N, C-alpha and C. Protein backbone atom coordinates (compact mmCIF):
# COMPACT_ATOMS: atom_id res chain seq x y z
N UNK A 1 71.45 31.63 167.14
CA UNK A 1 71.28 30.92 168.14
C UNK A 1 69.69 29.58 168.09
N UNK A 2 69.75 28.90 168.65
CA UNK A 2 68.58 28.01 168.64
C UNK A 2 67.53 28.52 169.79
N UNK A 3 66.27 28.28 169.28
CA UNK A 3 65.21 28.56 169.87
C UNK A 3 64.53 27.23 170.61
N UNK A 4 64.23 27.14 171.67
CA UNK A 4 63.36 26.14 172.23
C UNK A 4 62.12 26.23 171.98
N UNK A 5 61.42 25.04 171.49
CA UNK A 5 60.03 24.73 170.96
C UNK A 5 59.87 24.04 170.16
N UNK A 6 58.68 23.70 169.84
CA UNK A 6 58.17 23.07 168.61
C UNK A 6 58.28 23.33 167.28
N UNK A 7 59.00 22.48 166.40
CA UNK A 7 59.22 23.10 164.66
C UNK A 7 60.26 23.65 165.03
N UNK A 8 61.52 23.47 165.53
CA UNK A 8 62.81 23.75 165.91
C UNK A 8 63.49 22.82 165.28
N UNK A 9 64.91 23.07 164.82
CA UNK A 9 65.90 21.83 164.62
C UNK A 9 67.26 22.45 164.86
N UNK A 10 68.13 22.06 165.23
CA UNK A 10 69.70 22.40 165.90
C UNK A 10 70.80 21.88 164.94
N UNK A 11 70.24 20.82 164.01
CA UNK A 11 71.33 20.75 163.26
C UNK A 11 71.27 21.33 162.00
N UNK A 12 72.06 21.15 160.94
CA UNK A 12 72.20 21.45 159.49
C UNK A 12 70.79 20.82 158.93
N UNK A 13 70.30 21.68 158.22
CA UNK A 13 68.95 21.55 157.28
C UNK A 13 69.01 20.67 156.12
N UNK A 14 70.10 20.61 155.51
CA UNK A 14 70.71 20.24 154.76
C UNK A 14 69.97 20.87 152.94
N UNK A 15 70.24 21.91 153.11
CA UNK A 15 69.61 22.45 151.87
C UNK A 15 70.69 21.60 150.49
N UNK A 16 70.34 22.57 149.60
CA UNK A 16 70.66 21.43 148.27
C UNK A 16 72.32 22.42 148.32
N UNK A 17 72.03 24.04 148.22
CA UNK A 17 73.14 24.67 148.17
C UNK A 17 73.07 26.11 148.89
N UNK A 18 73.17 26.18 150.12
CA UNK A 18 72.59 26.89 150.85
C UNK A 18 73.92 28.35 150.40
N UNK A 19 73.02 29.27 150.41
CA UNK A 19 74.29 30.73 150.01
C UNK A 19 75.32 30.97 151.32
N UNK A 20 75.67 32.14 150.71
CA UNK A 20 76.77 32.68 151.97
C UNK A 20 76.53 33.77 152.33
N UNK A 21 77.11 34.05 153.18
CA UNK A 21 76.44 35.79 154.04
C UNK A 21 75.21 35.99 154.43
N UNK A 22 75.32 37.27 155.16
CA UNK A 22 74.05 37.16 155.54
C UNK A 22 73.65 38.79 155.27
N UNK A 23 72.01 39.21 155.36
CA UNK A 23 71.63 40.22 154.93
C UNK A 23 72.22 40.80 153.71
N UNK A 24 72.78 42.03 153.94
CA UNK A 24 72.87 42.32 152.31
C UNK A 24 74.14 42.03 151.73
N UNK A 25 74.86 41.12 152.45
CA UNK A 25 76.14 40.36 151.89
C UNK A 25 75.48 38.93 151.39
N UNK A 26 74.47 38.24 151.45
CA UNK A 26 73.81 37.51 151.02
C UNK A 26 74.56 36.75 149.59
N UNK A 27 74.73 35.47 149.50
CA UNK A 27 74.87 35.14 148.25
C UNK A 27 73.76 33.92 147.77
N UNK A 28 72.91 34.16 146.69
CA UNK A 28 71.78 33.40 146.72
C UNK A 28 72.43 31.91 146.46
N UNK A 29 71.46 31.36 147.01
CA UNK A 29 71.83 29.72 146.97
C UNK A 29 70.66 28.94 146.94
N UNK A 30 70.59 27.72 146.39
CA UNK A 30 69.42 26.81 146.49
C UNK A 30 69.15 26.25 147.59
N UNK A 31 67.99 27.01 148.10
CA UNK A 31 67.46 25.99 149.65
C UNK A 31 66.19 25.21 149.52
N UNK A 32 66.09 24.45 148.48
CA UNK A 32 65.27 23.06 148.80
C UNK A 32 66.17 22.47 149.49
N UNK A 33 65.45 21.10 149.95
CA UNK A 33 65.94 20.13 150.61
C UNK A 33 66.70 19.11 150.13
N UNK A 34 67.63 18.74 150.63
CA UNK A 34 68.00 17.41 149.83
C UNK A 34 67.44 16.24 150.38
N UNK A 35 67.77 14.88 149.49
CA UNK A 35 66.87 13.94 150.12
C UNK A 35 66.91 13.48 151.59
N UNK A 36 68.07 13.70 152.01
CA UNK A 36 68.36 13.49 153.53
C UNK A 36 68.45 14.36 154.69
N UNK A 37 67.27 15.11 153.95
CA UNK A 37 67.04 16.63 154.62
C UNK A 37 66.45 16.63 156.57
N UNK A 38 66.58 16.48 157.35
CA UNK A 38 65.68 16.72 158.83
C UNK A 38 64.73 16.80 158.92
N UNK A 39 64.48 17.61 157.74
CA UNK A 39 63.11 19.06 157.85
C UNK A 39 61.98 18.36 157.00
N UNK A 40 62.11 17.66 156.15
CA UNK A 40 61.48 16.75 155.31
C UNK A 40 60.38 16.40 156.27
N UNK A 41 59.19 16.43 156.17
CA UNK A 41 57.84 15.76 156.64
C UNK A 41 57.90 16.25 158.13
N UNK A 42 58.65 17.59 158.36
CA UNK A 42 58.59 17.94 160.01
C UNK A 42 58.38 19.11 160.15
N UNK A 43 57.29 19.72 159.47
CA UNK A 43 56.69 20.86 159.52
C UNK A 43 55.50 20.83 160.69
N UNK A 44 54.88 21.55 161.13
CA UNK A 44 53.08 21.59 161.08
C UNK A 44 52.52 22.17 160.23
N UNK A 45 51.54 21.51 159.86
CA UNK A 45 50.43 21.75 158.59
C UNK A 45 49.48 22.46 159.41
N UNK A 46 49.25 23.51 158.81
CA UNK A 46 48.38 24.62 158.93
C UNK A 46 47.17 24.24 157.92
N UNK A 47 45.66 24.80 158.71
CA UNK A 47 44.64 24.94 157.89
C UNK A 47 44.86 25.72 156.32
N UNK A 48 45.41 26.44 156.18
CA UNK A 48 45.68 27.36 154.92
C UNK A 48 46.50 26.37 154.03
N UNK A 49 47.18 25.32 154.44
CA UNK A 49 48.50 24.73 153.54
C UNK A 49 47.22 23.57 152.56
N UNK A 50 46.19 23.45 152.84
CA UNK A 50 45.53 22.79 152.19
C UNK A 50 45.48 22.86 150.60
N UNK A 51 45.28 24.14 150.30
CA UNK A 51 45.15 24.59 148.92
C UNK A 51 46.27 25.20 148.68
N UNK A 52 47.39 25.65 149.45
CA UNK A 52 48.70 26.23 149.42
C UNK A 52 49.44 25.69 148.86
N UNK A 53 50.27 26.58 148.21
CA UNK A 53 51.65 26.25 147.55
C UNK A 53 52.72 26.64 147.85
N UNK A 54 53.98 25.92 147.41
CA UNK A 54 55.37 26.36 147.82
C UNK A 54 56.18 27.72 147.41
N UNK A 55 57.29 28.15 147.13
CA UNK A 55 58.00 29.19 146.24
C UNK A 55 58.33 28.50 144.44
N UNK A 56 57.32 27.37 144.47
CA UNK A 56 57.60 26.40 143.01
C UNK A 56 56.34 26.61 142.64
N UNK A 57 55.32 26.73 143.25
CA UNK A 57 53.76 26.69 142.84
C UNK A 57 53.42 25.29 143.08
N UNK A 58 54.04 24.51 143.92
CA UNK A 58 53.82 22.95 144.09
C UNK A 58 53.17 22.76 145.37
N UNK A 59 52.41 21.88 145.11
CA UNK A 59 51.11 21.81 146.47
C UNK A 59 52.01 21.61 148.30
N UNK A 60 51.49 22.36 148.96
CA UNK A 60 52.41 22.71 150.11
C UNK A 60 52.94 21.24 151.01
N UNK A 61 51.39 20.81 150.99
CA UNK A 61 51.29 19.08 152.07
C UNK A 61 51.61 18.19 150.95
N UNK A 62 52.86 17.30 150.94
CA UNK A 62 52.80 16.40 150.33
C UNK A 62 53.47 15.05 150.99
N UNK A 63 52.93 13.87 150.65
CA UNK A 63 52.97 12.81 151.73
C UNK A 63 52.48 13.29 153.23
N UNK A 64 52.11 13.71 153.35
CA UNK A 64 50.82 13.94 154.70
C UNK A 64 51.23 14.81 156.06
N UNK A 65 52.43 15.38 155.71
CA UNK A 65 53.19 16.28 156.71
C UNK A 65 53.83 17.40 155.75
N UNK A 66 53.60 18.60 156.00
CA UNK A 66 54.59 19.72 155.28
C UNK A 66 56.06 19.62 155.68
N UNK A 67 56.80 20.26 154.98
CA UNK A 67 58.00 20.27 155.30
C UNK A 67 58.48 21.40 155.55
N UNK A 68 59.43 21.75 156.52
CA UNK A 68 60.20 22.95 156.75
C UNK A 68 60.84 23.66 155.99
N UNK A 69 60.49 25.00 156.29
CA UNK A 69 61.04 25.55 154.88
C UNK A 69 60.38 26.51 153.90
N UNK A 70 60.42 26.84 152.47
CA UNK A 70 59.88 27.60 151.74
C UNK A 70 59.39 26.25 150.84
N UNK A 71 60.25 25.54 150.49
CA UNK A 71 60.17 24.51 149.50
C UNK A 71 59.57 23.21 149.86
N UNK A 72 58.94 22.58 149.18
CA UNK A 72 58.10 21.37 149.25
C UNK A 72 59.12 20.56 148.84
N UNK A 73 59.70 19.33 149.44
CA UNK A 73 60.76 18.35 148.26
C UNK A 73 59.37 17.28 147.65
N UNK A 74 59.61 16.84 146.95
CA UNK A 74 59.31 15.84 145.97
C UNK A 74 59.81 14.95 145.77
N UNK A 75 59.32 13.66 146.23
CA UNK A 75 60.14 12.53 145.55
C UNK A 75 60.30 11.99 144.74
N UNK A 76 61.69 11.98 143.99
CA UNK A 76 61.53 11.24 142.28
C UNK A 76 60.96 9.74 142.66
N UNK A 77 60.98 8.81 143.23
CA UNK A 77 60.36 7.61 143.43
C UNK A 77 61.78 6.86 142.77
N UNK A 78 61.43 5.43 142.36
CA UNK A 78 62.37 4.75 142.07
C UNK A 78 62.45 4.59 140.92
N UNK A 79 63.55 4.01 140.01
CA UNK A 79 63.21 3.90 138.75
C UNK A 79 63.44 2.35 138.28
N UNK A 80 62.59 1.40 137.83
CA UNK A 80 62.63 -0.04 137.16
C UNK A 80 63.06 0.16 135.80
N UNK A 81 63.80 -1.13 135.58
CA UNK A 81 63.68 -1.00 134.29
C UNK A 81 63.21 -2.86 134.08
N UNK A 82 62.18 -2.76 132.61
CA UNK A 82 61.73 -3.70 132.73
C UNK A 82 62.43 -4.47 131.56
N UNK A 83 62.56 -5.65 131.40
CA UNK A 83 63.42 -6.58 129.92
C UNK A 83 62.44 -7.38 129.46
């Protein structure tokens, strides 16, 4: 069920590979955010996050605003070929 308030979404968070089941029947998934996730840069920055890290040990705030969830999405950037 959705909860009204700041910092909530009602759509699909677009995880890379969400697990199946709930509680003790949960199947492990990859809860990192896909490139088009609405959760990217949608969190609320907190003072502790300045030096905080995500579950991968990466900086918690990248690109100005924290992502929602346990992992911060890292944009790979564009690849250019010079001839």
